[in-house]
Amino acid sequence: MVMQEIEFVYDFGSPNAYLVHRVLPALAARNGAVVRPSPVLLGGVFKATNNQSPMEAFSRVRHKLTYQALELQRFVRRHGLVFHMNPHFPVNTLLPMRGAIFARGKDWENSYMDAMFNAMWVHGQNLSERHVFEEVLRESGLPVRRTLEAVETPEVKQALVDATARAVERGVFGAPSMLLKDELFFGKDSLPDLEFELEKASQG
């Protein structure tokens, strides 16, 4: 049987993308599926779809943001995760997302994702600062010089723009998003529905 592929559309700047990143591999594994990371620039997605971050969209909705923070902590407790709100939030993730483009398909891609997500949502680092980005690369045993050179090349810059545009064309309006074939699942709350579809497919 052919393994199903889950395309994971993410930006390191999304706390919910971090949470999904932590639980999606196990969900995929227990359903005979694989995860294919798909980095995008969330600001570009928002601009193309006229969307906003929850902080902006719900800033005037009484109790909404308080509830969202509570719901996030419930998810963290349920899955036994470590999460700390980044004190620099929102963080410009252009550098690490270009790095994610460079890391695609390489044997250290997952290590790169772990390092950047942890820097953001475990250690509270400001990845918009080049020296911080470089430090995270070095401390994680990732290719520092090659990555720093790659993120400044026209090819990598354009590839991030193109990846963002392709995601929007496929219906993505925010992150985290998961695509199973052409079906979109948005946000961590959609994970049970995603797993249901995977289970149904595996049963034929």
C-alpha atoms as a PDB file:
ATOM      1  CA  MET A   1       0.000   0.000   0.000  1.00  0.00           C
ATOM      2  CA  VAL A   2       1.282   3.452  -0.919  1.00  0.00           C
ATOM      3  CA  MET A   3       1.993   5.630   2.100  1.00  0.00           C
ATOM      4  CA  GLN A   4      -0.144   8.732   2.315  1.00  0.00           C
ATOM      5  CA  GLU A   5       1.632  12.077   2.431  1.00  0.00           C
ATOM      6  CA  ILE A   6       0.683  14.955   4.701  1.00  0.00           C
ATOM      7  CA  GLU A   7       1.999  18.298   3.506  1.00  0.00           C
ATOM      8  CA  PHE A   8       2.713  20.412   6.577  1.00  0.00           C
ATOM      9  CA  VAL A   9       2.576  24.138   5.767  1.00  0.00           C
ATOM     10  CA  TYR A  10       4.325  26.113   8.479  1.00  0.00           C
ATOM     11  CA  ASP A  11       6.106  29.264   9.598  1.00  0.00           C
ATOM     12  CA  PHE A  12       8.300  29.241  12.706  1.00  0.00           C
ATOM     13  CA  GLY A  13       6.523  32.389  13.875  1.00  0.00           C
ATOM     14  CA  SER A  14       3.276  30.528  14.551  1.00  0.00           C
ATOM     15  CA  PRO A  15       2.946  29.027  18.045  1.00  0.00           C
ATOM     16  CA  ASN A  16       0.306  26.622  16.808  1.00  0.00           C
ATOM     17  CA  ALA A  17       2.624  25.481  14.011  1.00  0.00           C
ATOM     18  CA  TYR A  18       5.164  24.579  16.706  1.00  0.00           C
ATOM     19  CA  LEU A  19       2.559  22.559  18.578  1.00  0.00           C
ATOM     20  CA  VAL A  20       1.476  20.714  15.428  1.00  0.00           C
ATOM     21  CA  HIS A  21       5.115  20.079  14.518  1.00  0.00           C
ATOM     22  CA  ARG A  22       5.538  18.304  17.841  1.00  0.00           C
ATOM     23  CA  VAL A  23       2.541  15.965  17.486  1.00  0.00           C
ATOM     24  CA  LEU A  24       2.072  15.484  13.724  1.00  0.00           C
ATOM     25  CA  PRO A  25       4.934  12.989  13.153  1.00  0.00           C
ATOM     26  CA  ALA A  26       3.481  10.524  15.678  1.00  0.00           C
ATOM     27  CA  LEU A  27      -0.012  10.968  14.252  1.00  0.00           C
ATOM     28  CA  ALA A  28       1.331  10.240  10.781  1.00  0.00           C
ATOM     29  CA  ALA A  29       3.376   7.249  11.919  1.00  0.00           C
ATOM     30  CA  ARG A  30       0.496   5.487  13.638  1.00  0.00           C
ATOM     31  CA  ASN A  31      -1.550   5.832  10.455  1.00  0.00           C
ATOM     32  CA  GLY A  32       1.116   4.743   7.983  1.00  0.00           C
ATOM     33  CA  ALA A  33       1.621   8.245   6.578  1.00  0.00           C
ATOM     34  CA  VAL A  34       4.611  10.537   6.098  1.00  0.00           C
ATOM     35  CA  VAL A  35       4.963  14.262   6.705  1.00  0.00           C
ATOM     36  CA  ARG A  36       6.388  16.527   4.027  1.00  0.00           C
ATOM     37  CA  PRO A  37       7.353  19.956   5.435  1.00  0.00           C
ATOM     38  CA  SER A  38       6.333  22.941   3.329  1.00  0.00           C
ATOM     39  CA  PRO A  39       7.812  26.250   4.589  1.00  0.00           C
ATOM     40  CA  VAL A  40       6.035  29.498   3.752  1.00  0.00           C
ATOM     41  CA  LEU A  41       6.225  33.098   4.864  1.00  0.00           C
ATOM     42  CA  LEU A  42       3.081  33.633   6.893  1.00  0.00           C
ATOM     43  CA  GLY A  43       3.089  37.382   6.311  1.00  0.00           C
ATOM     44  CA  GLY A  44       2.950  36.700   2.580  1.00  0.00           C
ATOM     45  CA  VAL A  45       0.048  34.306   3.058  1.00  0.00           C
ATOM     46  CA  PHE A  46      -1.830  36.900   5.112  1.00  0.00           C
ATOM     47  CA  LYS A  47      -1.230  39.591   2.509  1.00  0.00           C
ATOM     48  CA  ALA A  48      -2.382  37.382  -0.365  1.00  0.00           C
ATOM     49  CA  THR A  49      -5.541  36.228   1.435  1.00  0.00           C
ATOM     50  CA  ASN A  50      -6.430  39.426   3.320  1.00  0.00           C
ATOM     51  CA  ASN A  51      -6.038  37.495   6.567  1.00  0.00           C
ATOM     52  CA  GLN A  52      -4.721  38.614   9.969  1.00  0.00           C
ATOM     53  CA  SER A  53      -3.102  36.981  12.938  1.00  0.00           C
ATOM     54  CA  PRO A  54      -5.522  36.003  15.740  1.00  0.00           C
ATOM     55  CA  MET A  55      -3.957  38.706  17.907  1.00  0.00           C
ATOM     56  CA  GLU A  56      -5.004  41.331  15.369  1.00  0.00           C
ATOM     57  CA  ALA A  57      -8.252  39.749  14.225  1.00  0.00           C
ATOM     58  CA  PHE A  58      -9.656  39.208  17.728  1.00  0.00           C
ATOM     59  CA  SER A  59      -8.061  42.125  19.565  1.00  0.00           C
ATOM     60  CA  ARG A  60     -11.455  43.750  20.161  1.00  0.00           C
ATOM     61  CA  VAL A  61     -13.388  40.561  20.884  1.00  0.00           C
ATOM     62  CA  ARG A  62     -13.901  40.428  24.615  1.00  0.00           C
ATOM     63  CA  HIS A  63     -12.427  37.260  26.224  1.00  0.00           C
ATOM     64  CA  LYS A  64     -11.417  35.704  22.877  1.00  0.00           C
ATOM     65  CA  LEU A  65      -7.630  35.989  23.240  1.00  0.00           C
ATOM     66  CA  THR A  66      -7.799  34.923  26.888  1.00  0.00           C
ATOM     67  CA  TYR A  67      -9.676  31.807  25.849  1.00  0.00           C
ATOM     68  CA  GLN A  68      -7.252  31.071  23.028  1.00  0.00           C
ATOM     69  CA  ALA A  69      -4.349  31.186  25.486  1.00  0.00           C
ATOM     70  CA  LEU A  70      -6.236  28.791  27.782  1.00  0.00           C
ATOM     71  CA  GLU A  71      -6.984  26.431  24.913  1.00  0.00           C
ATOM     72  CA  LEU A  72      -3.336  26.449  23.886  1.00  0.00           C
ATOM     73  CA  GLN A  73      -2.247  25.491  27.390  1.00  0.00           C
ATOM     74  CA  ARG A  74      -4.760  22.652  27.434  1.00  0.00           C
ATOM     75  CA  PHE A  75      -3.182  21.281  24.253  1.00  0.00           C
ATOM     76  CA  VAL A  76       0.283  21.605  25.776  1.00  0.00           C
ATOM     77  CA  ARG A  77      -0.763  19.707  28.907  1.00  0.00           C
ATOM     78  CA  ARG A  78      -2.628  17.030  26.992  1.00  0.00           C
ATOM     79  CA  HIS A  79       0.380  16.200  24.837  1.00  0.00           C
ATOM     80  CA  GLY A  80       3.046  16.718  27.489  1.00  0.00           C
ATOM     81  CA  LEU A  81       4.818  19.470  25.588  1.00  0.00           C
ATOM     82  CA  VAL A  82       7.102  22.318  26.623  1.00  0.00           C
ATOM     83  CA  PHE A  83       5.941  25.747  25.456  1.00  0.00           C
ATOM     84  CA  HIS A  84       6.751  29.314  26.448  1.00  0.00           C
ATOM     85  CA  MET A  85       5.304  32.368  24.745  1.00  0.00           C
ATOM     86  CA  ASN A  86       8.120  34.162  22.955  1.00  0.00           C
ATOM     87  CA  PRO A  87       8.762  37.537  24.645  1.00  0.00           C
ATOM     88  CA  HIS A  88       9.682  39.039  21.254  1.00  0.00           C
ATOM     89  CA  PHE A  89       6.426  37.949  19.578  1.00  0.00           C
ATOM     90  CA  PRO A  90       5.590  38.688  16.817  1.00  0.00           C
ATOM     91  CA  VAL A  91       8.988  37.784  15.336  1.00  0.00           C
ATOM     92  CA  ASN A  92      10.026  38.454  11.744  1.00  0.00           C
ATOM     93  CA  THR A  93      10.932  34.941  10.576  1.00  0.00           C
ATOM     94  CA  LEU A  94      12.283  35.806   7.130  1.00  0.00           C
ATOM     95  CA  LEU A  95      15.799  34.509   7.864  1.00  0.00           C
ATOM     96  CA  PRO A  96      14.825  31.144   9.379  1.00  0.00           C
ATOM     97  CA  MET A  97      12.129  30.567   6.750  1.00  0.00           C
ATOM     98  CA  ARG A  98      14.669  31.130   3.983  1.00  0.00           C
ATOM     99  CA  GLY A  99      16.857  28.692   5.856  1.00  0.00           C
ATOM    100  CA  ALA A 100      13.977  26.209   5.854  1.00  0.00           C
ATOM    101  CA  ILE A 101      13.812  26.509   2.082  1.00  0.00           C
ATOM    102  CA  PHE A 102      17.528  25.735   1.883  1.00  0.00           C
ATOM    103  CA  ALA A 103      17.086  22.771   4.255  1.00  0.00           C
ATOM    104  CA  ARG A 104      14.330  21.150   2.173  1.00  0.00           C
ATOM    105  CA  GLY A 105      15.114  17.587   1.233  1.00  0.00           C
ATOM    106  CA  LYS A 106      18.423  17.503   3.100  1.00  0.00           C
ATOM    107  CA  ASP A 107      19.119  14.865   5.733  1.00  0.00           C
ATOM    108  CA  TRP A 108      19.255  17.564   8.420  1.00  0.00           C
ATOM    109  CA  GLU A 109      15.910  19.200   7.543  1.00  0.00           C
ATOM    110  CA  ASN A 110      14.106  17.806  10.592  1.00  0.00           C
ATOM    111  CA  SER A 111      16.979  18.834  12.861  1.00  0.00           C
ATOM    112  CA  TYR A 112      16.773  22.339  11.411  1.00  0.00           C
ATOM    113  CA  MET A 113      13.028  22.522  12.046  1.00  0.00           C
ATOM    114  CA  ASP A 114      13.426  21.269  15.607  1.00  0.00           C
ATOM    115  CA  ALA A 115      16.166  23.809  16.305  1.00  0.00           C
ATOM    116  CA  MET A 116      14.223  26.797  14.977  1.00  0.00           C
ATOM    117  CA  PHE A 117      10.897  25.858  16.538  1.00  0.00           C
ATOM    118  CA  ASN A 118      12.595  25.254  19.894  1.00  0.00           C
ATOM    119  CA  ALA A 119      14.476  28.544  19.657  1.00  0.00           C
ATOM    120  CA  MET A 120      11.147  30.319  19.183  1.00  0.00           C
ATOM    121  CA  TRP A 121       8.797  28.475  21.525  1.00  0.00           C
ATOM    122  CA  VAL A 122      10.973  26.809  24.151  1.00  0.00           C
ATOM    123  CA  HIS A 123      13.892  29.228  24.555  1.00  0.00           C
ATOM    124  CA  GLY A 124      12.183  32.503  23.561  1.00  0.00           C
ATOM    125  CA  GLN A 125      14.913  33.666  21.176  1.00  0.00           C
ATOM    126  CA  ASN A 126      14.553  36.451  18.625  1.00  0.00           C
ATOM    127  CA  LEU A 127      15.250  34.769  15.296  1.00  0.00           C
ATOM    128  CA  SER A 128      14.858  38.030  13.405  1.00  0.00           C
ATOM    129  CA  GLU A 129      18.362  38.939  14.582  1.00  0.00           C
ATOM    130  CA  ARG A 130      21.057  37.473  12.367  1.00  0.00           C
ATOM    131  CA  HIS A 131      23.499  36.768  15.195  1.00  0.00           C
ATOM    132  CA  VAL A 132      20.805  34.838  17.088  1.00  0.00           C
ATOM    133  CA  PHE A 133      19.953  32.828  13.979  1.00  0.00           C
ATOM    134  CA  GLU A 134      23.641  32.068  13.494  1.00  0.00           C
ATOM    135  CA  GLU A 135      24.020  31.046  17.145  1.00  0.00           C
ATOM    136  CA  VAL A 136      21.088  28.629  16.935  1.00  0.00           C
ATOM    137  CA  LEU A 137      22.569  27.053  13.801  1.00  0.00           C
ATOM    138  CA  ARG A 138      25.948  26.625  15.462  1.00  0.00           C
ATOM    139  CA  GLU A 139      24.635  25.262  18.759  1.00  0.00           C
ATOM    140  CA  SER A 140      22.475  22.755  16.876  1.00  0.00           C
ATOM    141  CA  GLY A 141      25.344  21.405  14.794  1.00  0.00           C
ATOM    142  CA  LEU A 142      23.817  22.664  11.553  1.00  0.00           C
ATOM    143  CA  PRO A 143      25.816  23.961   8.554  1.00  0.00           C
ATOM    144  CA  VAL A 144      26.324  27.581   9.586  1.00  0.00           C
ATOM    145  CA  ARG A 145      28.330  29.060   6.716  1.00  0.00           C
ATOM    146  CA  ARG A 146      26.387  27.331   3.951  1.00  0.00           C
ATOM    147  CA  THR A 147      23.044  28.326   5.440  1.00  0.00           C
ATOM    148  CA  LEU A 148      24.015  31.958   6.029  1.00  0.00           C
ATOM    149  CA  GLU A 149      25.237  32.196   2.448  1.00  0.00           C
ATOM    150  CA  ALA A 150      22.149  30.455   1.047  1.00  0.00           C
ATOM    151  CA  VAL A 151      19.590  32.722   2.745  1.00  0.00           C
ATOM    152  CA  GLU A 152      21.052  35.705   0.863  1.00  0.00           C
ATOM    153  CA  THR A 153      20.900  34.134  -2.607  1.00  0.00           C
ATOM    154  CA  PRO A 154      18.247  35.221  -5.126  1.00  0.00           C
ATOM    155  CA  GLU A 155      17.347  31.563  -5.701  1.00  0.00           C
ATOM    156  CA  VAL A 156      16.414  30.874  -2.083  1.00  0.00           C
ATOM    157  CA  LYS A 157      14.623  34.202  -1.701  1.00  0.00           C
ATOM    158  CA  GLN A 158      12.514  33.518  -4.793  1.00  0.00           C
ATOM    159  CA  ALA A 159      11.864  29.927  -3.772  1.00  0.00           C
ATOM    160  CA  LEU A 160      10.267  31.130  -0.531  1.00  0.00           C
ATOM    161  CA  VAL A 161       8.080  33.568  -2.450  1.00  0.00           C
ATOM    162  CA  ASP A 162       7.083  30.811  -4.861  1.00  0.00           C
ATOM    163  CA  ALA A 163       6.355  28.290  -2.086  1.00  0.00           C
ATOM    164  CA  THR A 164       4.140  30.839  -0.355  1.00  0.00           C
ATOM    165  CA  ALA A 165       2.250  31.580  -3.569  1.00  0.00           C
ATOM    166  CA  ARG A 166       1.738  27.870  -4.292  1.00  0.00           C
ATOM    167  CA  ALA A 167       0.323  27.296  -0.821  1.00  0.00           C
ATOM    168  CA  VAL A 168      -2.168  30.139  -1.306  1.00  0.00           C
ATOM    169  CA  GLU A 169      -3.172  28.700  -4.684  1.00  0.00           C
ATOM    170  CA  ARG A 170      -3.961  25.420  -2.943  1.00  0.00           C
ATOM    171  CA  GLY A 171      -6.294  27.128  -0.477  1.00  0.00           C
ATOM    172  CA  VAL A 172      -3.961  27.909   2.415  1.00  0.00           C
ATOM    173  CA  PHE A 173      -4.837  31.087   4.328  1.00  0.00           C
ATOM    174  CA  GLY A 174      -2.822  30.597   7.520  1.00  0.00           C
ATOM    175  CA  ALA A 175      -0.507  28.306   9.441  1.00  0.00           C
ATOM    176  CA  PRO A 176      -0.353  25.609  10.499  1.00  0.00           C
ATOM    177  CA  SER A 177      -2.099  23.979   7.561  1.00  0.00           C
ATOM    178  CA  MET A 178      -2.048  20.335   6.559  1.00  0.00           C
ATOM    179  CA  LEU A 179      -2.874  19.107   3.077  1.00  0.00           C
ATOM    180  CA  LEU A 180      -3.886  15.511   2.516  1.00  0.00           C
ATOM    181  CA  LYS A 181      -3.898  15.212  -1.265  1.00  0.00           C
ATOM    182  CA  ASP A 182      -5.878  18.391  -2.005  1.00  0.00           C
ATOM    183  CA  GLU A 183      -7.922  18.508   1.194  1.00  0.00           C
ATOM    184  CA  LEU A 184      -7.026  21.284   3.619  1.00  0.00           C
ATOM    185  CA  PHE A 185      -6.919  20.887   7.403  1.00  0.00           C
ATOM    186  CA  PHE A 186      -6.233  24.150   9.232  1.00  0.00           C
ATOM    187  CA  GLY A 187      -4.909  24.566  12.750  1.00  0.00           C
ATOM    188  CA  LYS A 188      -4.216  22.135  15.563  1.00  0.00           C
ATOM    189  CA  ASP A 189      -7.935  21.700  16.187  1.00  0.00           C
ATOM    190  CA  SER A 190      -8.234  19.938  12.819  1.00  0.00           C
ATOM    191  CA  LEU A 191      -5.820  17.133  13.791  1.00  0.00           C
ATOM    192  CA  PRO A 192      -8.611  14.729  14.901  1.00  0.00           C
ATOM    193  CA  ASP A 193     -10.335  15.201  11.528  1.00  0.00           C
ATOM    194  CA  LEU A 194      -7.056  14.636   9.718  1.00  0.00           C
ATOM    195  CA  GLU A 195      -6.479  11.423  11.650  1.00  0.00           C
ATOM    196  CA  PHE A 196     -10.030  10.271  10.921  1.00  0.00           C
ATOM    197  CA  GLU A 197      -9.419  10.677   7.183  1.00  0.00           C
ATOM    198  CA  LEU A 198      -6.115   8.810   7.419  1.00  0.00           C
ATOM    199  CA  GLU A 199      -7.759   5.943   9.324  1.00  0.00           C
ATOM    200  CA  LYS A 200     -10.603   5.780   6.827  1.00  0.00           C
ATOM    201  CA  ALA A 201      -8.180   5.655   3.907  1.00  0.00           C
ATOM    202  CA  SER A 202      -6.104   2.911   5.524  1.00  0.00           C
ATOM    203  CA  GLN A 203      -9.222   0.760   5.902  1.00  0.00           C
ATOM    204  CA  GLY A 204      -9.824   0.965   2.180  1.00  0.00           C
END
